[in-house]
Amino acid sequence: MYLNNRSAEALARGELDSAYWYARAALRRDPQFVAAANTLGVVYQRAGHGEASERALRFVIERDPRSTSAWANLTRLLRSQGRYEEARIAAARLAALEPQAPFHFFERGRAALQQGHPAEARDLLLRELRLQPQQHEVHFWLAQAYAALGDAKATERHLGLAADNSPTRQTRALYAGKLERLRALSH
């Protein structure tokens, strides 16, 4: 799990070579660790190795047919290759497993906030948070909604949670900096 997490961090930084080697090391330790195979599938996809990506993602799906992340990644891969009918089938399987598309309420909440509707954004983002309580981006946008509503305490709490749940040191530092600036402004 540690090696897969390191792979995901490297992937988030755009370091495909490092991400590849961490995911491969995770799979060497446990050849049935589907999370690492899924990460490897994403690495291959971003590196432009479609066939290898598809093999890795189908490996995950064979072992865990309910893996929404593997189905979502496979759907994206098939669409990027112009294999629309296969992508439609994969997307239907994903929809059957997950009635709401990933980040559905998150995207609607962001849009509401950008359109100047912070109370609606807050409500939508809170719904997303129930689905993904540790998703740092949801906490960050929720902090912005609370800031627009003038709720400094909730803004601070969600910025702190965004920092605590960040997958990389870089984003953690970014949120921590925003939190410090907020605290400086309120004192």
C-alpha atoms as a PDB file:
ATOM      1  CA  MET A   1       0.000   0.000   0.000  1.00  0.00           C
ATOM      2  CA  TYR A   2       2.877   2.365   0.844  1.00  0.00           C
ATOM      3  CA  LEU A   3       4.465   1.848  -2.568  1.00  0.00           C
ATOM      4  CA  ASN A   4       1.141   2.380  -4.333  1.00  0.00           C
ATOM      5  CA  ASN A   5       0.607   5.612  -2.381  1.00  0.00           C
ATOM      6  CA  ARG A   6       4.077   6.773  -3.431  1.00  0.00           C
ATOM      7  CA  SER A   7       3.168   5.919  -7.013  1.00  0.00           C
ATOM      8  CA  ALA A   8      -0.025   7.990  -6.792  1.00  0.00           C
ATOM      9  CA  GLU A   9       1.930  10.924  -5.339  1.00  0.00           C
ATOM     10  CA  ALA A  10       4.476  10.736  -8.164  1.00  0.00           C
ATOM     11  CA  LEU A  11       1.635  10.510 -10.676  1.00  0.00           C
ATOM     12  CA  ALA A  12       0.024  13.622  -9.202  1.00  0.00           C
ATOM     13  CA  ARG A  13       3.334  15.457  -9.670  1.00  0.00           C
ATOM     14  CA  GLY A  14       3.548  14.251 -13.280  1.00  0.00           C
ATOM     15  CA  GLU A  15       6.579  12.048 -12.553  1.00  0.00           C
ATOM     16  CA  LEU A  16       5.545   9.102 -14.713  1.00  0.00           C
ATOM     17  CA  ASP A  17       8.841   7.197 -14.448  1.00  0.00           C
ATOM     18  CA  SER A  18       8.779   7.256 -10.641  1.00  0.00           C
ATOM     19  CA  ALA A  19       5.076   6.438 -10.584  1.00  0.00           C
ATOM     20  CA  TYR A  20       5.729   3.432 -12.819  1.00  0.00           C
ATOM     21  CA  TRP A  21       8.515   2.026 -10.679  1.00  0.00           C
ATOM     22  CA  TYR A  22       6.604   2.450  -7.417  1.00  0.00           C
ATOM     23  CA  ALA A  23       3.513   0.742  -8.860  1.00  0.00           C
ATOM     24  CA  ARG A  24       5.644  -2.086 -10.282  1.00  0.00           C
ATOM     25  CA  ALA A  25       7.364  -2.531  -6.908  1.00  0.00           C
ATOM     26  CA  ALA A  26       3.960  -2.701  -5.187  1.00  0.00           C
ATOM     27  CA  LEU A  27       2.851  -5.405  -7.625  1.00  0.00           C
ATOM     28  CA  ARG A  28       6.076  -7.357  -7.134  1.00  0.00           C
ATOM     29  CA  ARG A  29       5.362  -7.420  -3.398  1.00  0.00           C
ATOM     30  CA  ASP A  30       1.749  -8.461  -3.947  1.00  0.00           C
ATOM     31  CA  PRO A  31       0.861  -9.508  -7.515  1.00  0.00           C
ATOM     32  CA  GLN A  32      -2.873  -9.505  -6.646  1.00  0.00           C
ATOM     33  CA  PHE A  33      -2.914  -5.944  -5.222  1.00  0.00           C
ATOM     34  CA  VAL A  34      -5.509  -4.489  -7.578  1.00  0.00           C
ATOM     35  CA  ALA A  35      -5.076  -0.877  -6.407  1.00  0.00           C
ATOM     36  CA  ALA A  36      -1.472  -0.933  -7.633  1.00  0.00           C
ATOM     37  CA  ALA A  37      -2.557  -2.498 -10.942  1.00  0.00           C
ATOM     38  CA  ASN A  38      -5.147   0.264 -11.332  1.00  0.00           C
ATOM     39  CA  THR A  39      -2.494   2.908 -10.645  1.00  0.00           C
ATOM     40  CA  LEU A  40      -0.200   1.233 -13.158  1.00  0.00           C
ATOM     41  CA  GLY A  41      -3.029   1.341 -15.704  1.00  0.00           C
ATOM     42  CA  VAL A  42      -3.310   5.105 -15.216  1.00  0.00           C
ATOM     43  CA  VAL A  43       0.474   5.512 -15.505  1.00  0.00           C
ATOM     44  CA  TYR A  44       0.477   3.570 -18.777  1.00  0.00           C
ATOM     45  CA  GLN A  45      -2.466   5.607 -20.075  1.00  0.00           C
ATOM     46  CA  ARG A  46      -0.782   8.929 -19.312  1.00  0.00           C
ATOM     47  CA  ALA A  47       2.431   7.689 -20.901  1.00  0.00           C
ATOM     48  CA  GLY A  48       0.559   6.835 -24.099  1.00  0.00           C
ATOM     49  CA  HIS A  49       0.741   3.036 -23.735  1.00  0.00           C
ATOM     50  CA  GLY A  50      -2.912   2.227 -24.373  1.00  0.00           C
ATOM     51  CA  GLU A  51      -2.589  -1.537 -24.741  1.00  0.00           C
ATOM     52  CA  ALA A  52      -0.624  -1.903 -21.509  1.00  0.00           C
ATOM     53  CA  SER A  53      -3.081   0.391 -19.750  1.00  0.00           C
ATOM     54  CA  GLU A  54      -6.037  -1.685 -20.907  1.00  0.00           C
ATOM     55  CA  ARG A  55      -4.358  -4.939 -19.800  1.00  0.00           C
ATOM     56  CA  ALA A  56      -3.729  -3.535 -16.336  1.00  0.00           C
ATOM     57  CA  LEU A  57      -7.271  -2.178 -15.982  1.00  0.00           C
ATOM     58  CA  ARG A  58      -8.864  -5.407 -17.199  1.00  0.00           C
ATOM     59  CA  PHE A  59      -6.660  -7.302 -14.721  1.00  0.00           C
ATOM     60  CA  VAL A  60      -8.239  -5.189 -11.959  1.00  0.00           C
ATOM     61  CA  ILE A  61     -11.766  -5.699 -13.285  1.00  0.00           C
ATOM     62  CA  GLU A  62     -11.286  -9.480 -13.549  1.00  0.00           C
ATOM     63  CA  ARG A  63     -10.326  -9.621  -9.874  1.00  0.00           C
ATOM     64  CA  ASP A  64     -12.654  -6.890  -8.611  1.00  0.00           C
ATOM     65  CA  PRO A  65     -15.601  -6.412 -10.984  1.00  0.00           C
ATOM     66  CA  ARG A  66     -17.053  -3.735  -8.659  1.00  0.00           C
ATOM     67  CA  SER A  67     -13.979  -1.462  -8.870  1.00  0.00           C
ATOM     68  CA  THR A  68     -15.497   1.860  -9.882  1.00  0.00           C
ATOM     69  CA  SER A  69     -12.074   3.445 -10.303  1.00  0.00           C
ATOM     70  CA  ALA A  70     -10.980   0.739 -12.776  1.00  0.00           C
ATOM     71  CA  TRP A  71     -14.246   1.034 -14.738  1.00  0.00           C
ATOM     72  CA  ALA A  72     -13.905   4.844 -14.822  1.00  0.00           C
ATOM     73  CA  ASN A  73     -10.279   4.627 -15.967  1.00  0.00           C
ATOM     74  CA  LEU A  74     -11.164   2.035 -18.617  1.00  0.00           C
ATOM     75  CA  THR A  75     -14.025   4.219 -19.878  1.00  0.00           C
ATOM     76  CA  ARG A  76     -11.660   7.199 -20.232  1.00  0.00           C
ATOM     77  CA  LEU A  77      -9.070   5.058 -22.005  1.00  0.00           C
ATOM     78  CA  LEU A  78     -11.564   3.622 -24.485  1.00  0.00           C
ATOM     79  CA  ARG A  79     -12.970   7.089 -25.254  1.00  0.00           C
ATOM     80  CA  SER A  80      -9.471   8.471 -25.808  1.00  0.00           C
ATOM     81  CA  GLN A  81      -8.878   5.685 -28.334  1.00  0.00           C
ATOM     82  CA  GLY A  82     -12.110   6.423 -30.190  1.00  0.00           C
ATOM     83  CA  ARG A  83     -13.625   3.088 -29.126  1.00  0.00           C
ATOM     84  CA  TYR A  84     -16.941   4.720 -28.305  1.00  0.00           C
ATOM     85  CA  GLU A  85     -19.190   1.649 -28.273  1.00  0.00           C
ATOM     86  CA  GLU A  86     -16.870  -0.173 -25.866  1.00  0.00           C
ATOM     87  CA  ALA A  87     -16.601   3.021 -23.800  1.00  0.00           C
ATOM     88  CA  ARG A  88     -20.402   3.252 -23.670  1.00  0.00           C
ATOM     89  CA  ILE A  89     -20.607  -0.315 -22.355  1.00  0.00           C
ATOM     90  CA  ALA A  90     -17.918   0.355 -19.729  1.00  0.00           C
ATOM     91  CA  ALA A  91     -19.651   3.609 -18.722  1.00  0.00           C
ATOM     92  CA  ALA A  92     -22.958   1.736 -18.348  1.00  0.00           C
ATOM     93  CA  ARG A  93     -21.266  -0.796 -16.063  1.00  0.00           C
ATOM     94  CA  LEU A  94     -19.808   2.073 -14.023  1.00  0.00           C
ATOM     95  CA  ALA A  95     -23.209   3.761 -13.820  1.00  0.00           C
ATOM     96  CA  ALA A  96     -24.769   0.539 -12.574  1.00  0.00           C
ATOM     97  CA  LEU A  97     -22.157   0.377  -9.807  1.00  0.00           C
ATOM     98  CA  GLU A  98     -22.272   4.068  -9.023  1.00  0.00           C
ATOM     99  CA  PRO A  99     -25.628   5.769  -9.682  1.00  0.00           C
ATOM    100  CA  GLN A 100     -24.103   9.249  -9.432  1.00  0.00           C
ATOM    101  CA  ALA A 101     -21.113   9.955 -11.606  1.00  0.00           C
ATOM    102  CA  PRO A 102     -17.909  10.509  -9.634  1.00  0.00           C
ATOM    103  CA  PHE A 103     -17.687  14.114  -8.421  1.00  0.00           C
ATOM    104  CA  HIS A 104     -21.248  14.828  -9.609  1.00  0.00           C
ATOM    105  CA  PHE A 105     -22.176  17.052  -6.642  1.00  0.00           C
ATOM    106  CA  PHE A 106     -18.642  18.451  -6.514  1.00  0.00           C
ATOM    107  CA  GLU A 107     -18.841  19.720 -10.093  1.00  0.00           C
ATOM    108  CA  ARG A 108     -22.318  21.142  -9.549  1.00  0.00           C
ATOM    109  CA  GLY A 109     -21.159  22.818  -6.317  1.00  0.00           C
ATOM    110  CA  ARG A 110     -18.148  24.396  -8.020  1.00  0.00           C
ATOM    111  CA  ALA A 111     -20.364  25.681 -10.804  1.00  0.00           C
ATOM    112  CA  ALA A 112     -22.852  27.129  -8.297  1.00  0.00           C
ATOM    113  CA  LEU A 113     -20.051  28.910  -6.457  1.00  0.00           C
ATOM    114  CA  GLN A 114     -18.602  30.299  -9.677  1.00  0.00           C
ATOM    115  CA  GLN A 115     -22.071  31.559 -10.631  1.00  0.00           C
ATOM    116  CA  GLY A 116     -22.372  33.399  -7.324  1.00  0.00           C
ATOM    117  CA  HIS A 117     -24.632  30.984  -5.433  1.00  0.00           C
ATOM    118  CA  PRO A 118     -22.613  30.105  -2.319  1.00  0.00           C
ATOM    119  CA  ALA A 119     -25.504  28.609  -0.291  1.00  0.00           C
ATOM    120  CA  GLU A 120     -26.397  26.233  -3.141  1.00  0.00           C
ATOM    121  CA  ALA A 121     -22.679  25.424  -3.559  1.00  0.00           C
ATOM    122  CA  ARG A 122     -22.365  24.659   0.153  1.00  0.00           C
ATOM    123  CA  ASP A 123     -25.331  22.276   0.044  1.00  0.00           C
ATOM    124  CA  LEU A 124     -24.057  20.440  -3.040  1.00  0.00           C
ATOM    125  CA  LEU A 125     -20.522  20.198  -1.688  1.00  0.00           C
ATOM    126  CA  LEU A 126     -21.816  18.827   1.616  1.00  0.00           C
ATOM    127  CA  ARG A 127     -23.612  16.099  -0.365  1.00  0.00           C
ATOM    128  CA  GLU A 128     -20.353  15.259  -2.141  1.00  0.00           C
ATOM    129  CA  LEU A 129     -18.570  15.247   1.198  1.00  0.00           C
ATOM    130  CA  ARG A 130     -20.935  12.537   2.463  1.00  0.00           C
ATOM    131  CA  LEU A 131     -19.772  10.392  -0.488  1.00  0.00           C
ATOM    132  CA  GLN A 132     -16.089  11.339  -0.204  1.00  0.00           C
ATOM    133  CA  PRO A 133     -15.397  12.571   3.327  1.00  0.00           C
ATOM    134  CA  GLN A 134     -11.637  12.731   2.829  1.00  0.00           C
ATOM    135  CA  GLN A 135     -11.486  14.347  -0.608  1.00  0.00           C
ATOM    136  CA  HIS A 136      -9.274  17.408  -0.156  1.00  0.00           C
ATOM    137  CA  GLU A 137     -10.671  19.316  -3.147  1.00  0.00           C
ATOM    138  CA  VAL A 138     -14.215  19.059  -1.795  1.00  0.00           C
ATOM    139  CA  HIS A 139     -13.057  20.520   1.526  1.00  0.00           C
ATOM    140  CA  PHE A 140     -11.208  23.306  -0.291  1.00  0.00           C
ATOM    141  CA  TRP A 141     -14.224  24.361  -2.369  1.00  0.00           C
ATOM    142  CA  LEU A 142     -16.477  24.019   0.651  1.00  0.00           C
ATOM    143  CA  ALA A 143     -14.145  26.403   2.491  1.00  0.00           C
ATOM    144  CA  GLN A 144     -14.583  28.873  -0.361  1.00  0.00           C
ATOM    145  CA  ALA A 145     -18.378  28.535  -0.185  1.00  0.00           C
ATOM    146  CA  TYR A 146     -18.318  29.170   3.569  1.00  0.00           C
ATOM    147  CA  ALA A 147     -16.008  32.153   3.051  1.00  0.00           C
ATOM    148  CA  ALA A 148     -18.485  33.618   0.552  1.00  0.00           C
ATOM    149  CA  LEU A 149     -21.225  33.079   3.143  1.00  0.00           C
ATOM    150  CA  GLY A 150     -19.143  34.864   5.808  1.00  0.00           C
ATOM    151  CA  ASP A 151     -18.671  31.804   8.036  1.00  0.00           C
ATOM    152  CA  ALA A 152     -15.009  32.169   9.040  1.00  0.00           C
ATOM    153  CA  LYS A 153     -15.058  29.252  11.505  1.00  0.00           C
ATOM    154  CA  ALA A 154     -16.348  26.757   8.899  1.00  0.00           C
ATOM    155  CA  THR A 155     -13.968  28.206   6.305  1.00  0.00           C
ATOM    156  CA  GLU A 156     -11.012  27.601   8.610  1.00  0.00           C
ATOM    157  CA  ARG A 157     -12.188  24.108   9.534  1.00  0.00           C
ATOM    158  CA  HIS A 158     -12.538  22.987   5.906  1.00  0.00           C
ATOM    159  CA  LEU A 159      -9.235  24.540   4.827  1.00  0.00           C
ATOM    160  CA  GLY A 160      -7.612  22.585   7.662  1.00  0.00           C
ATOM    161  CA  LEU A 161      -9.328  19.386   6.520  1.00  0.00           C
ATOM    162  CA  ALA A 162      -8.228  20.056   2.936  1.00  0.00           C
ATOM    163  CA  ALA A 163      -4.622  20.290   4.150  1.00  0.00           C
ATOM    164  CA  ASP A 164      -4.962  17.197   6.362  1.00  0.00           C
ATOM    165  CA  ASN A 165      -6.389  15.108   3.512  1.00  0.00           C
ATOM    166  CA  SER A 166      -4.032  16.277   0.762  1.00  0.00           C
ATOM    167  CA  PRO A 167      -2.248  13.472  -1.078  1.00  0.00           C
ATOM    168  CA  THR A 168       0.984  15.404  -1.669  1.00  0.00           C
ATOM    169  CA  ARG A 169       3.244  17.623   0.376  1.00  0.00           C
ATOM    170  CA  GLN A 170       2.887  20.350  -2.237  1.00  0.00           C
ATOM    171  CA  THR A 171      -0.912  20.612  -1.987  1.00  0.00           C
ATOM    172  CA  ARG A 172      -0.743  20.220   1.790  1.00  0.00           C
ATOM    173  CA  ALA A 173       1.620  23.199   1.935  1.00  0.00           C
ATOM    174  CA  LEU A 174      -0.629  25.202  -0.397  1.00  0.00           C
ATOM    175  CA  TYR A 175      -3.695  24.666   1.819  1.00  0.00           C
ATOM    176  CA  ALA A 176      -1.697  25.268   4.991  1.00  0.00           C
ATOM    177  CA  GLY A 177      -0.507  28.586   3.549  1.00  0.00           C
ATOM    178  CA  LYS A 178      -4.067  29.635   2.711  1.00  0.00           C
ATOM    179  CA  LEU A 179      -5.136  28.665   6.231  1.00  0.00           C
ATOM    180  CA  GLU A 180      -2.344  30.746   7.789  1.00  0.00           C
ATOM    181  CA  ARG A 181      -3.295  33.765   5.658  1.00  0.00           C
ATOM    182  CA  LEU A 182      -6.916  33.355   6.704  1.00  0.00           C
ATOM    183  CA  ARG A 183      -5.943  33.182  10.368  1.00  0.00           C
ATOM    184  CA  ALA A 184      -3.749  36.277   9.978  1.00  0.00           C
ATOM    185  CA  LEU A 185      -6.631  38.210   8.412  1.00  0.00           C
ATOM    186  CA  SER A 186      -9.079  37.236  11.155  1.00  0.00           C
ATOM    187  CA  HIS A 187      -6.814  38.342  14.024  1.00  0.00           C
END
